[in-house]
Amino acid sequence: MRMSVRAIRGAIQVDSNTVRSIHEGVKELLDAVMLANGLTPEEVISVLLTATPDLTADFPAAAAREVGFGAVPLLCASEIDVPGALSRVIRVLLHCETERAREDILHIYLKGAVALRRDLAQ
């Protein structure tokens, strides 16, 4: 089987704008993405993490470093502040090398973020 570069999406809604809540959410989301897609951090090329504008207590990348992503290029950004959008959401776009076909990639949406992509939610 041939290795390919794939992108994996995911999101989680966290309980509050605290360091603890942000870190727990990021860890839960990344663990779920990695487990569902059979990945190790060595296969991850880069990770883009975004947070809704109401999450300012810490950078989501700080939590990613705590769960084995210290050598992975990480970037944080703020989501567009769209009126009526779901609050307290952390999103991830993870690029990896894998033998999985595009249609076999599992995108992970957890907790309240399931509402963002019911067609993809696990």
Protein backbone atom coordinates (compact mmCIF):
# COMPACT_ATOMS: atom_id res chain seq x y z
CA MET A 1 0.00 0.00 0.00
CA ARG A 2 1.20 3.49 -0.85
CA MET A 3 1.53 6.29 1.73
CA SER A 4 -0.48 9.42 0.99
CA VAL A 5 -0.91 12.79 2.63
CA ARG A 6 -4.40 13.16 4.10
CA ALA A 7 -6.22 15.89 6.00
CA ILE A 8 -8.46 15.05 8.94
CA ARG A 9 -11.04 17.41 10.42
CA GLY A 10 -12.55 17.47 13.84
CA ALA A 11 -14.09 19.66 16.51
CA ILE A 12 -15.18 19.62 20.13
CA GLN A 13 -17.28 21.98 22.20
CA VAL A 14 -15.70 22.63 25.59
CA ASP A 15 -17.48 23.53 28.82
CA SER A 16 -15.87 26.86 29.62
CA ASN A 17 -13.15 29.37 28.86
CA THR A 18 -10.60 27.96 31.28
CA VAL A 19 -7.16 26.50 30.77
CA ARG A 20 -8.36 23.17 32.15
CA SER A 21 -11.41 22.98 29.88
CA ILE A 22 -9.43 23.94 26.77
CA HIS A 23 -6.66 21.45 27.56
CA GLU A 24 -9.08 18.61 28.32
CA GLY A 25 -11.01 19.31 25.12
CA VAL A 26 -7.92 19.39 22.91
CA LYS A 27 -6.58 16.20 24.44
CA GLU A 28 -9.91 14.40 24.04
CA LEU A 29 -10.26 15.54 20.43
CA LEU A 30 -6.70 14.68 19.37
CA ASP A 31 -6.84 11.31 21.13
CA ALA A 32 -10.09 10.48 19.33
CA VAL A 33 -8.77 11.57 15.91
CA MET A 34 -5.55 9.60 16.34
CA LEU A 35 -7.26 6.46 17.63
CA ALA A 36 -10.01 6.47 14.98
CA ASN A 37 -7.47 6.81 12.19
CA GLY A 38 -4.78 4.52 13.61
CA LEU A 39 -2.16 7.27 13.76
CA THR A 40 0.90 8.02 15.85
CA PRO A 41 2.39 11.51 16.27
CA GLU A 42 5.29 10.46 14.00
CA GLU A 43 2.82 10.22 11.09
CA VAL A 44 1.43 13.72 11.69
CA ILE A 45 2.83 16.42 9.40
CA SER A 46 1.16 19.48 10.95
CA VAL A 47 -1.87 20.54 12.97
CA LEU A 48 -3.97 23.69 12.67
CA LEU A 49 -6.09 24.35 15.76
CA THR A 50 -8.73 27.05 15.86
CA ALA A 51 -10.85 28.34 18.71
CA THR A 52 -13.99 30.41 18.70
CA PRO A 53 -13.39 34.01 19.87
CA ASP A 54 -14.85 33.23 23.31
CA LEU A 55 -11.96 30.84 24.12
CA THR A 56 -9.01 32.97 25.22
CA ALA A 57 -7.71 31.30 28.41
CA ASP A 58 -4.90 29.44 26.62
CA PHE A 59 -3.56 28.34 23.27
CA PRO A 60 -4.96 24.96 22.15
CA ALA A 61 -1.46 24.06 20.90
CA ALA A 62 -0.17 24.10 24.49
CA ALA A 63 -2.40 21.11 25.23
CA ALA A 64 -1.36 19.34 22.02
CA ARG A 65 2.27 19.51 23.11
CA GLU A 66 1.34 17.76 26.36
CA VAL A 67 0.03 14.68 24.49
CA GLY A 68 2.98 13.95 22.22
CA PHE A 69 2.83 16.67 19.58
CA GLY A 70 5.95 18.52 20.76
CA ALA A 71 7.86 17.84 17.52
CA VAL A 72 4.84 18.48 15.26
CA PRO A 73 4.39 21.95 13.71
CA LEU A 74 1.30 23.45 15.40
CA LEU A 75 -0.58 26.66 14.59
CA CYS A 76 -3.46 28.29 16.46
CA ALA A 77 -5.95 30.72 14.96
CA SER A 78 -9.24 32.31 15.90
CA GLU A 79 -12.45 31.34 14.13
CA ILE A 80 -14.51 34.03 12.40
CA ASP A 81 -16.98 35.56 14.87
CA VAL A 82 -20.17 34.72 12.96
CA PRO A 83 -23.39 35.77 14.73
CA GLY A 84 -25.27 32.74 16.05
CA ALA A 85 -22.34 30.34 15.57
CA LEU A 86 -21.79 27.56 18.10
CA SER A 87 -19.75 28.85 21.05
CA ARG A 88 -16.73 27.36 22.86
CA VAL A 89 -15.57 25.24 19.92
CA ILE A 90 -12.06 24.04 19.17
CA ARG A 91 -11.50 22.77 15.65
CA VAL A 92 -8.61 20.79 14.24
CA LEU A 93 -7.24 20.26 10.75
CA LEU A 94 -4.56 17.59 10.98
CA HIS A 95 -2.31 16.64 8.04
CA CYS A 96 -0.79 13.18 8.13
CA GLU A 97 0.87 10.43 6.12
CA THR A 98 -1.22 7.29 5.98
CA GLU A 99 -2.00 4.28 3.86
CA ARG A 100 -5.74 4.90 4.32
CA ALA A 101 -7.76 5.91 1.30
CA ARG A 102 -9.51 9.29 1.43
CA GLU A 103 -12.89 7.61 1.95
CA ASP A 104 -11.51 5.66 4.93
CA ILE A 105 -10.46 8.75 6.88
CA LEU A 106 -12.64 9.33 9.95
CA HIS A 107 -13.42 12.95 10.85
CA ILE A 108 -14.29 13.37 14.52
CA TYR A 109 -16.89 15.75 15.98
CA LEU A 110 -17.47 15.49 19.72
CA LYS A 111 -19.96 16.81 22.28
CA GLY A 112 -21.90 19.84 21.05
CA ALA A 113 -19.71 20.09 17.95
CA VAL A 114 -21.60 17.11 16.48
CA ALA A 115 -24.11 19.75 15.34
CA LEU A 116 -21.47 21.25 13.02
CA ARG A 117 -21.21 18.18 10.78
CA ARG A 118 -23.85 15.59 11.49
CA ASP A 119 -22.89 13.95 8.19
CA LEU A 120 -19.36 13.27 9.48
CA ALA A 121 -19.80 12.94 13.24
CA GLN A 122 -18.69 9.69 14.86
